[in-house]
Amino acid sequence: MNLSYRQFRRSGVSALCSAGLCLALTGSLLAAECPPSGDRFVADGEETIIDTQSLLMWRRCPEGLQGERCQHGSLLGFNWRQGVERLAQNNAAELAGYGDWGIPTLTQLQTLTSGATCAKGDAAAGGLPSWPDGYFWSRSSPQGKSYVKRTFSLETGQPALSNQGTYGVHLWLVRRVE
């Protein structure tokens, strides 16, 4: 097996990688379970947060919010088409230096609340804003129903189904750490 060691820019997050799969290392701890508070979500500059458990890079704040704790602005709501257009605008502008942002899958959104006591504690201590109310778009659809997308509430940890025309669903952009 060919293993390589990688250090991600600005954040100091380290990982062992092989065949495109990386395992995050936080200090001497392999991030396979909830790391100690503050170690799971690491700020990677002013605009992004890396989840050292899932190796996903999240925009620091959902669309419409800004600031270190996302305390400024207003959480924006979109229908599916508007969300896709906003995503395209952010990619064209290379948000935080990247042009490969995406709308998360339901599974990716669920990583934020997996082990809810761990994730909520980490959010308060380590870089994520407090959980915003409302539902967030995922790019996941139930099989055979492309006109419906799964949405997810970070507050309750519950998924729902929303027609693509539903307005007021929030957007939090994500990308895989490379």
N, C-alpha and C. Protein backbone atom coordinates (compact mmCIF):
# COMPACT_ATOMS: atom_id res chain seq x y z
N MET A 1 0.84 -1.17 0.00
CA MET A 1 0.00 0.00 0.00
C MET A 1 0.89 1.24 0.00
N ASN A 2 0.62 2.18 -0.87
CA ASN A 2 1.38 3.40 -0.99
C ASN A 2 0.71 4.51 -0.18
N LEU A 3 1.25 4.84 0.99
CA LEU A 3 0.69 5.87 1.86
C LEU A 3 1.46 7.17 1.68
N SER A 4 0.75 8.28 1.73
CA SER A 4 1.40 9.58 1.70
C SER A 4 0.86 10.41 2.86
N TYR A 5 1.67 11.30 3.33
CA TYR A 5 1.30 12.20 4.42
C TYR A 5 1.02 13.56 3.81
N ARG A 6 -0.09 14.18 4.19
CA ARG A 6 -0.44 15.48 3.62
C ARG A 6 -0.77 16.46 4.72
N GLN A 7 -0.40 17.70 4.54
CA GLN A 7 -0.74 18.79 5.45
C GLN A 7 -1.57 19.76 4.63
N PHE A 8 -2.77 20.10 5.13
CA PHE A 8 -3.65 20.98 4.38
C PHE A 8 -3.34 22.43 4.72
N ARG A 9 -3.34 23.27 3.69
CA ARG A 9 -2.93 24.66 3.83
C ARG A 9 -3.72 25.38 4.91
N ARG A 10 -3.09 26.29 5.54
CA ARG A 10 -3.62 27.21 6.56
C ARG A 10 -4.10 26.53 7.82
N SER A 11 -4.70 25.34 7.76
CA SER A 11 -5.33 24.77 8.95
C SER A 11 -4.40 23.93 9.79
N GLY A 12 -3.35 23.38 9.19
CA GLY A 12 -2.48 22.49 9.94
C GLY A 12 -3.07 21.10 10.10
N VAL A 13 -4.22 20.82 9.45
CA VAL A 13 -4.81 19.48 9.51
C VAL A 13 -3.92 18.55 8.72
N SER A 14 -3.60 17.40 9.29
CA SER A 14 -2.75 16.42 8.63
C SER A 14 -3.56 15.19 8.32
N ALA A 15 -3.11 14.42 7.30
CA ALA A 15 -3.83 13.21 6.93
C ALA A 15 -2.88 12.20 6.31
N LEU A 16 -3.23 10.93 6.45
CA LEU A 16 -2.58 9.85 5.73
C LEU A 16 -3.47 9.52 4.56
N CYS A 17 -2.91 9.47 3.35
CA CYS A 17 -3.71 9.26 2.15
C CYS A 17 -3.19 8.07 1.36
N SER A 18 -4.13 7.35 0.74
CA SER A 18 -3.80 6.26 -0.16
C SER A 18 -4.93 6.11 -1.16
N ALA A 19 -4.62 6.07 -2.42
CA ALA A 19 -5.61 5.87 -3.49
C ALA A 19 -6.78 6.84 -3.38
N GLY A 20 -6.50 8.09 -3.06
CA GLY A 20 -7.55 9.10 -2.99
C GLY A 20 -8.34 9.12 -1.70
N LEU A 21 -8.08 8.20 -0.78
CA LEU A 21 -8.79 8.15 0.50
C LEU A 21 -7.85 8.68 1.57
N CYS A 22 -8.32 9.64 2.36
CA CYS A 22 -7.48 10.24 3.40
C CYS A 22 -8.12 10.04 4.76
N LEU A 23 -7.28 9.79 5.75
CA LEU A 23 -7.73 9.72 7.14
C LEU A 23 -7.10 10.89 7.87
N ALA A 24 -7.94 11.73 8.49
CA ALA A 24 -7.43 12.92 9.16
C ALA A 24 -6.74 12.55 10.45
N LEU A 25 -5.65 13.23 10.72
CA LEU A 25 -4.94 13.09 11.98
C LEU A 25 -5.04 14.41 12.73
N THR A 26 -5.45 14.36 13.98
CA THR A 26 -5.49 15.57 14.79
C THR A 26 -4.51 15.34 15.92
N GLY A 27 -3.40 16.04 15.88
CA GLY A 27 -2.33 15.78 16.83
C GLY A 27 -1.88 14.34 16.64
N SER A 28 -1.90 13.55 17.71
CA SER A 28 -1.54 12.15 17.58
C SER A 28 -2.77 11.27 17.49
N LEU A 29 -3.95 11.88 17.36
CA LEU A 29 -5.20 11.13 17.37
C LEU A 29 -5.71 10.94 15.95
N LEU A 30 -5.98 9.71 15.55
CA LEU A 30 -6.62 9.45 14.28
C LEU A 30 -8.09 9.77 14.44
N ALA A 31 -8.65 10.64 13.59
CA ALA A 31 -10.02 11.11 13.76
C ALA A 31 -11.02 10.08 13.26
N ALA A 32 -11.27 9.06 14.04
CA ALA A 32 -12.24 8.04 13.68
C ALA A 32 -13.47 8.15 14.56
N GLU A 33 -13.31 8.70 15.73
CA GLU A 33 -14.44 8.96 16.62
C GLU A 33 -14.41 10.44 16.93
N CYS A 34 -15.36 10.90 17.73
CA CYS A 34 -15.39 12.32 18.06
C CYS A 34 -14.11 12.72 18.77
N PRO A 35 -13.31 13.57 18.17
CA PRO A 35 -12.10 14.04 18.84
C PRO A 35 -12.48 14.99 19.98
N PRO A 36 -11.52 15.33 20.83
CA PRO A 36 -11.82 16.27 21.90
C PRO A 36 -12.39 17.57 21.35
N SER A 37 -13.22 18.22 22.15
CA SER A 37 -13.87 19.46 21.73
C SER A 37 -12.86 20.43 21.15
N GLY A 38 -13.23 21.04 20.04
CA GLY A 38 -12.37 22.02 19.40
C GLY A 38 -11.44 21.43 18.36
N ASP A 39 -11.25 20.12 18.33
CA ASP A 39 -10.35 19.50 17.36
C ASP A 39 -11.05 19.03 16.10
N ARG A 40 -12.36 18.85 16.17
CA ARG A 40 -13.06 18.30 15.01
C ARG A 40 -13.20 19.31 13.89
N PHE A 41 -13.63 20.51 14.18
CA PHE A 41 -13.82 21.55 13.17
C PHE A 41 -12.69 22.56 13.30
N VAL A 42 -11.88 22.66 12.24
CA VAL A 42 -10.70 23.51 12.27
C VAL A 42 -10.87 24.61 11.23
N ALA A 43 -10.72 25.85 11.66
CA ALA A 43 -10.79 26.97 10.71
C ALA A 43 -9.63 26.85 9.73
N ASP A 44 -9.93 27.00 8.45
CA ASP A 44 -8.92 26.96 7.40
C ASP A 44 -8.98 28.29 6.67
N GLY A 45 -8.60 29.33 7.33
CA GLY A 45 -8.73 30.67 6.79
C GLY A 45 -10.01 31.30 7.31
N GLU A 46 -10.36 32.46 6.74
CA GLU A 46 -11.51 33.20 7.23
C GLU A 46 -12.84 32.68 6.69
N GLU A 47 -12.82 31.95 5.57
CA GLU A 47 -14.07 31.58 4.92
C GLU A 47 -14.43 30.11 5.00
N THR A 48 -13.54 29.29 5.54
CA THR A 48 -13.81 27.85 5.50
C THR A 48 -13.50 27.17 6.83
N ILE A 49 -14.14 26.02 7.03
CA ILE A 49 -13.94 25.15 8.19
C ILE A 49 -13.72 23.75 7.64
N ILE A 50 -12.74 23.03 8.18
CA ILE A 50 -12.54 21.63 7.80
C ILE A 50 -13.05 20.75 8.93
N ASP A 51 -13.88 19.78 8.56
CA ASP A 51 -14.32 18.75 9.49
C ASP A 51 -13.27 17.65 9.42
N THR A 52 -12.46 17.52 10.46
CA THR A 52 -11.35 16.56 10.43
C THR A 52 -11.84 15.12 10.51
N GLN A 53 -13.12 14.93 10.85
CA GLN A 53 -13.66 13.58 10.89
C GLN A 53 -14.07 13.10 9.50
N SER A 54 -14.76 13.94 8.75
CA SER A 54 -15.26 13.53 7.43
C SER A 54 -14.36 14.00 6.29
N LEU A 55 -13.39 14.85 6.60
CA LEU A 55 -12.52 15.48 5.59
C LEU A 55 -13.33 16.25 4.56
N LEU A 56 -14.35 16.94 5.05
CA LEU A 56 -15.12 17.85 4.22
C LEU A 56 -14.75 19.27 4.61
N MET A 57 -14.66 20.14 3.61
CA MET A 57 -14.45 21.56 3.86
C MET A 57 -15.79 22.24 3.67
N TRP A 58 -16.25 22.91 4.70
CA TRP A 58 -17.52 23.64 4.66
C TRP A 58 -17.23 25.12 4.57
N ARG A 59 -18.07 25.81 3.85
CA ARG A 59 -17.99 27.26 3.93
C ARG A 59 -18.26 27.60 5.38
N ARG A 60 -17.54 28.55 5.93
CA ARG A 60 -17.67 28.84 7.36
C ARG A 60 -19.13 29.11 7.75
N CYS A 61 -19.86 29.81 6.89
CA CYS A 61 -21.23 30.17 7.21
C CYS A 61 -22.17 29.76 6.08
N PRO A 62 -23.40 29.42 6.43
CA PRO A 62 -24.41 29.21 5.39
C PRO A 62 -24.61 30.51 4.60
N GLU A 63 -25.16 30.39 3.40
CA GLU A 63 -25.36 31.55 2.52
C GLU A 63 -26.15 32.66 3.24
N GLY A 64 -25.60 33.86 3.15
CA GLY A 64 -26.24 35.04 3.73
C GLY A 64 -25.65 35.45 5.05
N LEU A 65 -24.94 34.55 5.72
CA LEU A 65 -24.33 34.87 7.01
C LEU A 65 -22.83 35.04 6.84
N GLN A 66 -22.23 35.81 7.73
CA GLN A 66 -20.79 36.02 7.70
C GLN A 66 -20.30 36.35 9.09
N GLY A 67 -19.00 36.39 9.25
CA GLY A 67 -18.38 36.66 10.54
C GLY A 67 -17.83 35.37 11.14
N GLU A 68 -16.97 35.52 12.13
CA GLU A 68 -16.32 34.37 12.73
C GLU A 68 -17.32 33.35 13.28
N ARG A 69 -18.41 33.81 13.86
CA ARG A 69 -19.45 32.93 14.40
C ARG A 69 -20.74 33.04 13.59
N CYS A 70 -20.62 33.56 12.36
CA CYS A 70 -21.78 33.71 11.46
C CYS A 70 -22.86 34.58 12.10
N GLN A 71 -22.40 35.58 12.82
CA GLN A 71 -23.32 36.42 13.57
C GLN A 71 -23.82 37.63 12.78
N HIS A 72 -23.30 37.85 11.59
CA HIS A 72 -23.70 39.00 10.78
C HIS A 72 -24.48 38.54 9.55
N GLY A 73 -25.42 39.37 9.13
CA GLY A 73 -26.21 39.08 7.94
C GLY A 73 -27.49 38.35 8.28
N SER A 74 -28.16 37.86 7.26
CA SER A 74 -29.41 37.12 7.41
C SER A 74 -29.31 35.82 6.63
N LEU A 75 -29.72 34.74 7.24
CA LEU A 75 -29.73 33.44 6.58
C LEU A 75 -30.66 33.51 5.38
N LEU A 76 -30.14 33.20 4.19
CA LEU A 76 -30.93 33.30 2.97
C LEU A 76 -31.67 32.00 2.69
N GLY A 77 -32.81 32.13 2.04
CA GLY A 77 -33.59 30.97 1.62
C GLY A 77 -33.69 30.94 0.10
N PHE A 78 -33.68 29.73 -0.46
CA PHE A 78 -33.68 29.55 -1.90
C PHE A 78 -34.63 28.43 -2.28
N ASN A 79 -35.15 28.48 -3.53
CA ASN A 79 -35.71 27.26 -4.10
C ASN A 79 -34.52 26.52 -4.74
N TRP A 80 -34.74 25.33 -5.27
CA TRP A 80 -33.63 24.53 -5.77
C TRP A 80 -32.87 25.25 -6.89
N ARG A 81 -33.59 25.80 -7.86
CA ARG A 81 -32.95 26.48 -9.00
C ARG A 81 -32.09 27.65 -8.52
N GLN A 82 -32.63 28.44 -7.59
CA GLN A 82 -31.86 29.58 -7.07
C GLN A 82 -30.61 29.11 -6.32
N GLY A 83 -30.73 28.00 -5.60
CA GLY A 83 -29.58 27.45 -4.90
C GLY A 83 -28.48 27.01 -5.85
N VAL A 84 -28.88 26.36 -6.95
CA VAL A 84 -27.91 25.93 -7.96
C VAL A 84 -27.26 27.15 -8.62
N GLU A 85 -28.04 28.20 -8.88
CA GLU A 85 -27.48 29.43 -9.45
C GLU A 85 -26.49 30.08 -8.48
N ARG A 86 -26.82 30.10 -7.19
CA ARG A 86 -25.92 30.68 -6.19
C ARG A 86 -24.62 29.88 -6.14
N LEU A 87 -24.74 28.56 -6.19
CA LEU A 87 -23.56 27.69 -6.22
C LEU A 87 -22.68 28.04 -7.42
N ALA A 88 -23.27 28.20 -8.60
CA ALA A 88 -22.51 28.52 -9.81
C ALA A 88 -21.81 29.87 -9.67
N GLN A 89 -22.47 30.84 -9.05
CA GLN A 89 -21.85 32.15 -8.83
C GLN A 89 -20.64 32.04 -7.92
N ASN A 90 -20.78 31.28 -6.84
CA ASN A 90 -19.66 31.10 -5.91
C ASN A 90 -18.50 30.37 -6.56
N ASN A 91 -18.79 29.37 -7.39
CA ASN A 91 -17.72 28.64 -8.08
C ASN A 91 -17.03 29.53 -9.11
N ALA A 92 -17.79 30.33 -9.83
CA ALA A 92 -17.21 31.25 -10.82
C ALA A 92 -16.29 32.27 -10.13
N ALA A 93 -16.68 32.70 -8.94
CA ALA A 93 -15.88 33.67 -8.18
C ALA A 93 -14.75 33.00 -7.40
N GLU A 94 -14.67 31.66 -7.48
CA GLU A 94 -13.68 30.88 -6.73
C GLU A 94 -13.66 31.27 -5.25
N LEU A 95 -14.80 31.05 -4.63
CA LEU A 95 -14.98 31.32 -3.21
C LEU A 95 -13.86 30.69 -2.40
N ALA A 96 -13.18 31.48 -1.60
CA ALA A 96 -12.07 31.03 -0.75
C ALA A 96 -10.96 30.37 -1.56
N GLY A 97 -10.88 30.69 -2.85
CA GLY A 97 -9.82 30.14 -3.70
C GLY A 97 -10.16 28.81 -4.36
N TYR A 98 -11.42 28.37 -4.27
CA TYR A 98 -11.82 27.09 -4.84
C TYR A 98 -13.00 27.28 -5.79
N GLY A 99 -13.02 26.51 -6.86
CA GLY A 99 -14.11 26.57 -7.82
C GLY A 99 -14.87 25.26 -7.91
N ASP A 100 -14.75 24.43 -6.87
CA ASP A 100 -15.41 23.11 -6.92
C ASP A 100 -16.36 22.89 -5.74
N TRP A 101 -17.00 23.95 -5.28
CA TRP A 101 -17.98 23.84 -4.20
C TRP A 101 -19.19 23.08 -4.70
N GLY A 102 -19.92 22.46 -3.79
CA GLY A 102 -21.11 21.74 -4.17
C GLY A 102 -22.20 21.86 -3.11
N ILE A 103 -23.38 21.46 -3.51
CA ILE A 103 -24.48 21.33 -2.55
C ILE A 103 -24.29 19.97 -1.91
N PRO A 104 -24.30 19.89 -0.59
CA PRO A 104 -23.99 18.62 0.06
C PRO A 104 -25.04 17.55 -0.17
N THR A 105 -24.62 16.30 -0.04
CA THR A 105 -25.57 15.19 -0.04
C THR A 105 -26.22 15.16 1.35
N LEU A 106 -27.28 14.39 1.47
CA LEU A 106 -27.91 14.22 2.77
C LEU A 106 -26.91 13.63 3.76
N THR A 107 -26.13 12.67 3.31
CA THR A 107 -25.13 12.03 4.19
C THR A 107 -24.10 13.04 4.67
N GLN A 108 -23.66 13.94 3.77
CA GLN A 108 -22.69 14.96 4.18
C GLN A 108 -23.28 15.90 5.23
N LEU A 109 -24.53 16.31 5.03
CA LEU A 109 -25.18 17.15 6.05
C LEU A 109 -25.29 16.42 7.38
N GLN A 110 -25.59 15.13 7.31
CA GLN A 110 -25.74 14.35 8.53
C GLN A 110 -24.43 14.23 9.29
N THR A 111 -23.28 14.35 8.60
CA THR A 111 -22.00 14.27 9.32
C THR A 111 -21.87 15.42 10.32
N LEU A 112 -22.54 16.52 10.06
CA LEU A 112 -22.46 17.65 10.99
C LEU A 112 -23.13 17.35 12.32
N THR A 113 -24.10 16.45 12.29
CA THR A 113 -24.83 16.15 13.52
C THR A 113 -24.64 14.72 13.97
N SER A 114 -23.78 13.94 13.29
CA SER A 114 -23.56 12.56 13.72
C SER A 114 -22.93 12.60 15.10
N GLY A 115 -23.45 11.77 15.98
CA GLY A 115 -23.03 11.84 17.37
C GLY A 115 -23.36 13.22 17.89
N ALA A 116 -24.65 13.57 17.86
CA ALA A 116 -25.11 14.93 18.09
C ALA A 116 -24.46 15.60 19.30
N THR A 117 -24.22 14.87 20.37
CA THR A 117 -23.60 15.50 21.52
C THR A 117 -22.19 15.93 21.19
N CYS A 118 -21.50 15.12 20.41
CA CYS A 118 -20.14 15.47 20.00
C CYS A 118 -20.19 16.69 19.07
N ALA A 119 -21.00 16.62 18.02
CA ALA A 119 -21.02 17.69 17.03
C ALA A 119 -21.48 19.01 17.62
N LYS A 120 -22.53 18.99 18.43
CA LYS A 120 -23.01 20.25 18.99
C LYS A 120 -21.97 20.85 19.94
N GLY A 121 -21.30 20.01 20.72
CA GLY A 121 -20.25 20.52 21.60
C GLY A 121 -19.10 21.10 20.79
N ASP A 122 -18.73 20.42 19.72
CA ASP A 122 -17.65 20.91 18.88
C ASP A 122 -18.04 22.21 18.21
N ALA A 123 -19.29 22.32 17.80
CA ALA A 123 -19.72 23.54 17.13
C ALA A 123 -19.55 24.73 18.06
N ALA A 124 -19.93 24.55 19.29
CA ALA A 124 -19.84 25.66 20.24
C ALA A 124 -18.38 26.03 20.52
N ALA A 125 -17.50 25.03 20.52
CA ALA A 125 -16.12 25.28 20.91
C ALA A 125 -15.17 25.45 19.75
N GLY A 126 -15.52 24.91 18.56
CA GLY A 126 -14.47 24.78 17.58
C GLY A 126 -14.72 25.30 16.20
N GLY A 127 -15.46 26.34 15.98
CA GLY A 127 -15.45 26.93 14.67
C GLY A 127 -16.74 26.94 13.91
N LEU A 128 -17.63 25.97 14.11
CA LEU A 128 -18.91 26.03 13.41
C LEU A 128 -19.82 26.99 14.15
N PRO A 129 -20.72 27.66 13.42
CA PRO A 129 -21.68 28.51 14.10
C PRO A 129 -22.68 27.64 14.85
N SER A 130 -23.46 28.26 15.73
CA SER A 130 -24.53 27.49 16.36
C SER A 130 -25.48 27.06 15.24
N TRP A 131 -26.18 25.94 15.44
CA TRP A 131 -27.02 25.38 14.38
C TRP A 131 -28.11 26.37 13.98
N PRO A 132 -28.14 26.76 12.72
CA PRO A 132 -29.22 27.64 12.26
C PRO A 132 -30.54 26.87 12.18
N ASP A 133 -31.63 27.55 12.44
CA ASP A 133 -32.96 26.95 12.30
C ASP A 133 -33.29 26.77 10.83
N GLY A 134 -34.19 25.86 10.55
CA GLY A 134 -34.67 25.67 9.20
C GLY A 134 -34.00 24.49 8.52
N TYR A 135 -34.40 24.26 7.29
CA TYR A 135 -33.91 23.13 6.51
C TYR A 135 -32.89 23.59 5.48
N PHE A 136 -31.95 22.69 5.16
CA PHE A 136 -30.89 22.94 4.19
C PHE A 136 -31.04 21.99 3.02
N TRP A 137 -30.80 22.51 1.81
CA TRP A 137 -30.85 21.68 0.61
C TRP A 137 -29.76 20.63 0.64
N SER A 138 -30.08 19.44 0.19
CA SER A 138 -29.07 18.44 -0.14
C SER A 138 -29.29 18.11 -1.61
N ARG A 139 -28.29 17.55 -2.25
CA ARG A 139 -28.47 17.17 -3.66
C ARG A 139 -29.05 15.78 -3.78
N SER A 140 -29.40 15.16 -2.67
CA SER A 140 -29.95 13.80 -2.67
C SER A 140 -31.43 13.81 -3.01
N SER A 141 -31.83 12.85 -3.84
CA SER A 141 -33.24 12.67 -4.22
C SER A 141 -33.66 11.25 -3.89
N PRO A 142 -34.93 11.05 -3.50
CA PRO A 142 -35.40 9.67 -3.36
C PRO A 142 -35.36 8.99 -4.72
N GLN A 143 -35.11 7.70 -4.75
CA GLN A 143 -34.98 6.99 -6.02
C GLN A 143 -36.22 7.18 -6.88
N GLY A 144 -36.01 7.57 -8.14
CA GLY A 144 -37.09 7.74 -9.09
C GLY A 144 -37.87 9.04 -8.96
N LYS A 145 -37.43 9.94 -8.11
CA LYS A 145 -38.15 11.21 -7.90
C LYS A 145 -37.19 12.38 -8.01
N SER A 146 -36.70 12.63 -9.21
CA SER A 146 -35.69 13.68 -9.40
C SER A 146 -36.24 15.08 -9.14
N TYR A 147 -37.55 15.26 -9.15
CA TYR A 147 -38.15 16.57 -8.90
C TYR A 147 -38.23 16.89 -7.41
N VAL A 148 -37.89 15.93 -6.57
CA VAL A 148 -37.92 16.11 -5.12
C VAL A 148 -36.50 15.98 -4.59
N LYS A 149 -36.11 16.84 -3.68
CA LYS A 149 -34.80 16.77 -3.06
C LYS A 149 -34.99 16.55 -1.56
N ARG A 150 -34.02 15.88 -0.97
CA ARG A 150 -34.03 15.71 0.47
C ARG A 150 -33.46 16.98 1.10
N THR A 151 -34.10 17.43 2.14
CA THR A 151 -33.61 18.55 2.91
C THR A 151 -33.31 18.04 4.31
N PHE A 152 -32.59 18.83 5.09
CA PHE A 152 -32.15 18.36 6.39
C PHE A 152 -32.12 19.51 7.37
N SER A 153 -32.62 19.27 8.58
CA SER A 153 -32.58 20.25 9.65
C SER A 153 -31.41 19.93 10.57
N LEU A 154 -30.46 20.85 10.68
CA LEU A 154 -29.34 20.66 11.60
C LEU A 154 -29.81 20.72 13.04
N GLU A 155 -30.83 21.51 13.29
CA GLU A 155 -31.33 21.68 14.66
C GLU A 155 -31.95 20.39 15.19
N THR A 156 -32.77 19.74 14.37
CA THR A 156 -33.47 18.54 14.84
C THR A 156 -32.77 17.26 14.39
N GLY A 157 -31.88 17.36 13.39
CA GLY A 157 -31.22 16.18 12.86
C GLY A 157 -32.15 15.32 12.01
N GLN A 158 -33.24 15.92 11.51
CA GLN A 158 -34.25 15.17 10.76
C GLN A 158 -34.25 15.56 9.29
N PRO A 159 -34.30 14.56 8.40
CA PRO A 159 -34.45 14.84 6.97
C PRO A 159 -35.93 15.05 6.63
N ALA A 160 -36.16 15.66 5.49
CA ALA A 160 -37.51 15.86 4.97
C ALA A 160 -37.41 15.83 3.45
N LEU A 161 -38.56 15.84 2.79
CA LEU A 161 -38.61 15.92 1.33
C LEU A 161 -39.16 17.29 0.95
N SER A 162 -38.56 17.92 -0.05
CA SER A 162 -39.03 19.21 -0.53
C SER A 162 -39.07 19.19 -2.04
N ASN A 163 -40.16 19.70 -2.60
CA ASN A 163 -40.26 19.90 -4.04
C ASN A 163 -39.22 20.93 -4.42
N GLN A 164 -38.63 20.81 -5.61
CA GLN A 164 -37.58 21.74 -6.02
C GLN A 164 -38.07 23.19 -6.07
N GLY A 165 -39.37 23.40 -6.15
CA GLY A 165 -39.91 24.75 -6.17
C GLY A 165 -40.09 25.35 -4.78
N THR A 166 -39.90 24.57 -3.74
CA THR A 166 -40.06 25.07 -2.37
C THR A 166 -39.07 26.19 -2.13
N TYR A 167 -39.56 27.31 -1.65
CA TYR A 167 -38.71 28.46 -1.39
C TYR A 167 -38.38 28.53 0.10
N GLY A 168 -37.25 29.11 0.43
CA GLY A 168 -36.90 29.35 1.83
C GLY A 168 -36.01 28.29 2.43
N VAL A 169 -35.53 27.35 1.62
CA VAL A 169 -34.61 26.32 2.11
C VAL A 169 -33.19 26.92 2.04
N HIS A 170 -32.41 26.68 3.07
CA HIS A 170 -31.09 27.29 3.18
C HIS A 170 -30.03 26.49 2.42
N LEU A 171 -28.87 27.10 2.25
CA LEU A 171 -27.79 26.51 1.47
C LEU A 171 -26.48 26.65 2.22
N TRP A 172 -25.78 25.53 2.42
CA TRP A 172 -24.47 25.53 3.05
C TRP A 172 -23.54 24.75 2.14
N LEU A 173 -22.56 25.40 1.57
CA LEU A 173 -21.71 24.81 0.55
C LEU A 173 -20.58 23.96 1.16
N VAL A 174 -20.20 22.93 0.42
CA VAL A 174 -19.20 21.98 0.89
C VAL A 174 -18.31 21.56 -0.27
N ARG A 175 -17.13 21.08 0.05
CA ARG A 175 -16.22 20.48 -0.93
C ARG A 175 -15.38 19.45 -0.20
N ARG A 176 -14.85 18.51 -0.95
CA ARG A 176 -13.95 17.51 -0.36
C ARG A 176 -12.57 18.13 -0.20
N VAL A 177 -11.91 17.82 0.90
CA VAL A 177 -10.56 18.29 1.12
C VAL A 177 -9.63 17.49 0.23
N GLU A 178 -8.71 18.17 -0.42
CA GLU A 178 -7.77 17.49 -1.32
C GLU A 178 -6.38 17.57 -0.75
